[in-house]
Amino acid sequence: MTNERPPQGAPPDPDGLAEAKVMLDAVIRALGQKVRSLEAEEAVKTAEALALTQELRRWALVAFEEREKVEKRMKDRGGIVHDHSIDFDQARAQIGRRLARLRAAGGSGGVPG
């Protein structure tokens, strides 16, 4: 199992989303390993073993869906929209430059309302 925890000095994770993602990834891997091991055994031919394999697959799908939700919340928290993060400092600087140009071009002392 790999250690997917954030490195030392990483930004804080107050709502535990990074930890939740690490745990869901571990659950998905464990469920996948169990399904593969059950399918490799001869015992899978029994109805009980088949039902157990199907149940494990359903839980894996639940884990995938939850991981997707966590990843979406992490993107939302990080200001990522359509796979692009918004640089608010750059946007603020650009707005400031545009306002300065408007003030310089206006000459009347203000922007008409």
C-alpha atoms as a PDB file:
ATOM      1  CA  MET A   1       0.000   0.000   0.000  1.00  0.00           C
ATOM      2  CA  THR A   2       1.372   3.413  -0.877  1.00  0.00           C
ATOM      3  CA  ASN A   3       1.367   6.358   1.487  1.00  0.00           C
ATOM      4  CA  GLU A   4      -0.670   9.073  -0.224  1.00  0.00           C
ATOM      5  CA  ARG A   5      -0.772  11.473   2.699  1.00  0.00           C
ATOM      6  CA  PRO A   6       0.093  15.114   2.016  1.00  0.00           C
ATOM      7  CA  PRO A   7       3.808  15.890   2.462  1.00  0.00           C
ATOM      8  CA  GLN A   8       5.185  17.802   5.453  1.00  0.00           C
ATOM      9  CA  GLY A   9       4.396  21.516   5.158  1.00  0.00           C
ATOM     10  CA  ALA A  10       1.358  20.924   2.941  1.00  0.00           C
ATOM     11  CA  PRO A  11      -1.582  23.300   3.457  1.00  0.00           C
ATOM     12  CA  PRO A  12      -3.922  22.307   6.287  1.00  0.00           C
ATOM     13  CA  ASP A  13      -6.887  20.075   5.569  1.00  0.00           C
ATOM     14  CA  PRO A  14      -9.508  21.366   8.050  1.00  0.00           C
ATOM     15  CA  ASP A  15     -12.421  19.373   6.642  1.00  0.00           C
ATOM     16  CA  GLY A  16     -10.449  16.137   6.231  1.00  0.00           C
ATOM     17  CA  LEU A  17     -11.020  15.805   2.485  1.00  0.00           C
ATOM     18  CA  ALA A  18      -7.455  14.713   1.734  1.00  0.00           C
ATOM     19  CA  GLU A  19      -7.624  12.091   4.479  1.00  0.00           C
ATOM     20  CA  ALA A  20     -11.018  10.896   3.202  1.00  0.00           C
ATOM     21  CA  LYS A  21      -9.591  10.507  -0.310  1.00  0.00           C
ATOM     22  CA  VAL A  22      -6.630   8.508   1.032  1.00  0.00           C
ATOM     23  CA  MET A  23      -8.985   6.230   2.968  1.00  0.00           C
ATOM     24  CA  LEU A  24     -11.365   5.749   0.023  1.00  0.00           C
ATOM     25  CA  ASP A  25      -8.428   4.880  -2.258  1.00  0.00           C
ATOM     26  CA  ALA A  26      -7.290   2.266   0.280  1.00  0.00           C
ATOM     27  CA  VAL A  27     -10.814   0.819   0.530  1.00  0.00           C
ATOM     28  CA  ILE A  28     -11.122   0.608  -3.262  1.00  0.00           C
ATOM     29  CA  ARG A  29      -7.777  -1.194  -3.519  1.00  0.00           C
ATOM     30  CA  ALA A  30      -8.678  -3.614  -0.704  1.00  0.00           C
ATOM     31  CA  LEU A  31     -12.074  -4.408  -2.218  1.00  0.00           C
ATOM     32  CA  GLY A  32     -10.487  -4.978  -5.629  1.00  0.00           C
ATOM     33  CA  GLN A  33      -7.902  -7.337  -4.151  1.00  0.00           C
ATOM     34  CA  LYS A  34     -10.585  -9.292  -2.298  1.00  0.00           C
ATOM     35  CA  VAL A  35     -12.767  -9.624  -5.413  1.00  0.00           C
ATOM     36  CA  ARG A  36      -9.770 -10.802  -7.462  1.00  0.00           C
ATOM     37  CA  SER A  37      -8.775 -13.346  -4.806  1.00  0.00           C
ATOM     38  CA  LEU A  38     -12.343 -14.676  -4.548  1.00  0.00           C
ATOM     39  CA  GLU A  39     -12.613 -14.978  -8.314  1.00  0.00           C
ATOM     40  CA  ALA A  40      -9.308 -16.876  -8.439  1.00  0.00           C
ATOM     41  CA  GLU A  41     -10.538 -19.480  -5.941  1.00  0.00           C
ATOM     42  CA  GLU A  42     -12.602 -22.472  -6.920  1.00  0.00           C
ATOM     43  CA  ALA A  43     -15.081 -21.607  -4.157  1.00  0.00           C
ATOM     44  CA  VAL A  44     -16.475 -18.778  -6.313  1.00  0.00           C
ATOM     45  CA  LYS A  45     -18.658 -21.329  -8.009  1.00  0.00           C
ATOM     46  CA  THR A  46     -20.980 -21.471  -5.010  1.00  0.00           C
ATOM     47  CA  ALA A  47     -23.983 -19.154  -4.838  1.00  0.00           C
ATOM     48  CA  GLU A  48     -22.804 -17.686  -1.535  1.00  0.00           C
ATOM     49  CA  ALA A  49     -19.375 -16.813  -2.949  1.00  0.00           C
ATOM     50  CA  LEU A  50     -20.923 -15.274  -6.056  1.00  0.00           C
ATOM     51  CA  ALA A  51     -23.253 -13.185  -3.890  1.00  0.00           C
ATOM     52  CA  LEU A  52     -20.292 -12.039  -1.769  1.00  0.00           C
ATOM     53  CA  THR A  53     -18.346 -11.050  -4.902  1.00  0.00           C
ATOM     54  CA  GLN A  54     -21.319  -9.059  -6.203  1.00  0.00           C
ATOM     55  CA  GLU A  55     -21.734  -7.333  -2.836  1.00  0.00           C
ATOM     56  CA  LEU A  56     -18.043  -6.389  -2.769  1.00  0.00           C
ATOM     57  CA  ARG A  57     -18.354  -4.954  -6.274  1.00  0.00           C
ATOM     58  CA  ARG A  58     -21.359  -2.863  -5.189  1.00  0.00           C
ATOM     59  CA  TRP A  59     -19.398  -1.490  -2.246  1.00  0.00           C
ATOM     60  CA  ALA A  60     -16.476  -0.696  -4.548  1.00  0.00           C
ATOM     61  CA  LEU A  61     -18.854   1.334  -6.742  1.00  0.00           C
ATOM     62  CA  VAL A  62     -20.069   3.200  -3.653  1.00  0.00           C
ATOM     63  CA  ALA A  63     -16.462   3.953  -2.716  1.00  0.00           C
ATOM     64  CA  PHE A  64     -15.733   5.209  -6.265  1.00  0.00           C
ATOM     65  CA  GLU A  65     -18.773   7.501  -6.123  1.00  0.00           C
ATOM     66  CA  GLU A  66     -17.777   8.860  -2.718  1.00  0.00           C
ATOM     67  CA  ARG A  67     -14.204   9.451  -3.894  1.00  0.00           C
ATOM     68  CA  GLU A  68     -15.607  11.388  -6.855  1.00  0.00           C
ATOM     69  CA  LYS A  69     -17.628  13.570  -4.471  1.00  0.00           C
ATOM     70  CA  VAL A  70     -14.550  14.187  -2.317  1.00  0.00           C
ATOM     71  CA  GLU A  71     -12.461  15.127  -5.363  1.00  0.00           C
ATOM     72  CA  LYS A  72     -15.178  17.559  -6.502  1.00  0.00           C
ATOM     73  CA  ARG A  73     -15.288  19.175  -3.052  1.00  0.00           C
ATOM     74  CA  MET A  74     -11.486  19.442  -3.055  1.00  0.00           C
ATOM     75  CA  LYS A  75     -11.608  21.176  -6.447  1.00  0.00           C
ATOM     76  CA  ASP A  76     -14.382  23.499  -5.285  1.00  0.00           C
ATOM     77  CA  ARG A  77     -12.450  24.355  -2.134  1.00  0.00           C
ATOM     78  CA  GLY A  78      -9.329  25.051  -4.209  1.00  0.00           C
ATOM     79  CA  GLY A  79     -11.154  27.405  -6.577  1.00  0.00           C
ATOM     80  CA  ILE A  80     -10.847  25.022  -9.523  1.00  0.00           C
ATOM     81  CA  VAL A  81     -13.457  25.535 -12.226  1.00  0.00           C
ATOM     82  CA  HIS A  82     -13.574  23.325 -15.338  1.00  0.00           C
ATOM     83  CA  ASP A  83     -10.173  21.844 -14.361  1.00  0.00           C
ATOM     84  CA  HIS A  84      -8.580  25.317 -14.164  1.00  0.00           C
ATOM     85  CA  SER A  85      -7.771  27.103 -10.939  1.00  0.00           C
ATOM     86  CA  ILE A  86      -8.656  30.750 -10.595  1.00  0.00           C
ATOM     87  CA  ASP A  87      -5.729  33.026  -9.725  1.00  0.00           C
ATOM     88  CA  PHE A  88      -7.427  35.694  -7.641  1.00  0.00           C
ATOM     89  CA  ASP A  89      -4.233  37.712  -7.182  1.00  0.00           C
ATOM     90  CA  GLN A  90      -3.794  37.950 -10.949  1.00  0.00           C
ATOM     91  CA  ALA A  91      -7.472  38.849 -11.424  1.00  0.00           C
ATOM     92  CA  ARG A  92      -7.220  41.550  -8.719  1.00  0.00           C
ATOM     93  CA  ALA A  93      -4.124  43.036 -10.396  1.00  0.00           C
ATOM     94  CA  GLN A  94      -5.801  43.043 -13.814  1.00  0.00           C
ATOM     95  CA  ILE A  95      -8.909  44.757 -12.419  1.00  0.00           C
ATOM     96  CA  GLY A  96      -6.687  47.350 -10.754  1.00  0.00           C
ATOM     97  CA  ARG A  97      -4.900  48.063 -14.053  1.00  0.00           C
ATOM     98  CA  ARG A  98      -8.202  48.443 -15.888  1.00  0.00           C
ATOM     99  CA  LEU A  99      -9.570  50.806 -13.242  1.00  0.00           C
ATOM    100  CA  ALA A 100      -6.368  52.848 -13.428  1.00  0.00           C
ATOM    101  CA  ARG A 101      -6.755  53.138 -17.212  1.00  0.00           C
ATOM    102  CA  LEU A 102     -10.393  54.202 -16.802  1.00  0.00           C
ATOM    103  CA  ARG A 103      -9.408  56.852 -14.252  1.00  0.00           C
ATOM    104  CA  ALA A 104      -6.604  58.126 -16.505  1.00  0.00           C
ATOM    105  CA  ALA A 105      -8.879  58.247 -19.559  1.00  0.00           C
ATOM    106  CA  GLY A 106     -11.856  59.758 -17.734  1.00  0.00           C
ATOM    107  CA  GLY A 107     -10.343  63.086 -16.794  1.00  0.00           C
ATOM    108  CA  SER A 108     -13.560  64.168 -15.062  1.00  0.00           C
ATOM    109  CA  GLY A 109     -12.498  62.781 -11.715  1.00  0.00           C
ATOM    110  CA  GLY A 110     -14.921  59.860 -11.593  1.00  0.00           C
ATOM    111  CA  VAL A 111     -16.708  57.227 -13.521  1.00  0.00           C
ATOM    112  CA  PRO A 112     -20.264  58.268 -14.424  1.00  0.00           C
ATOM    113  CA  GLY A 113     -22.891  56.165 -12.697  1.00  0.00           C
END
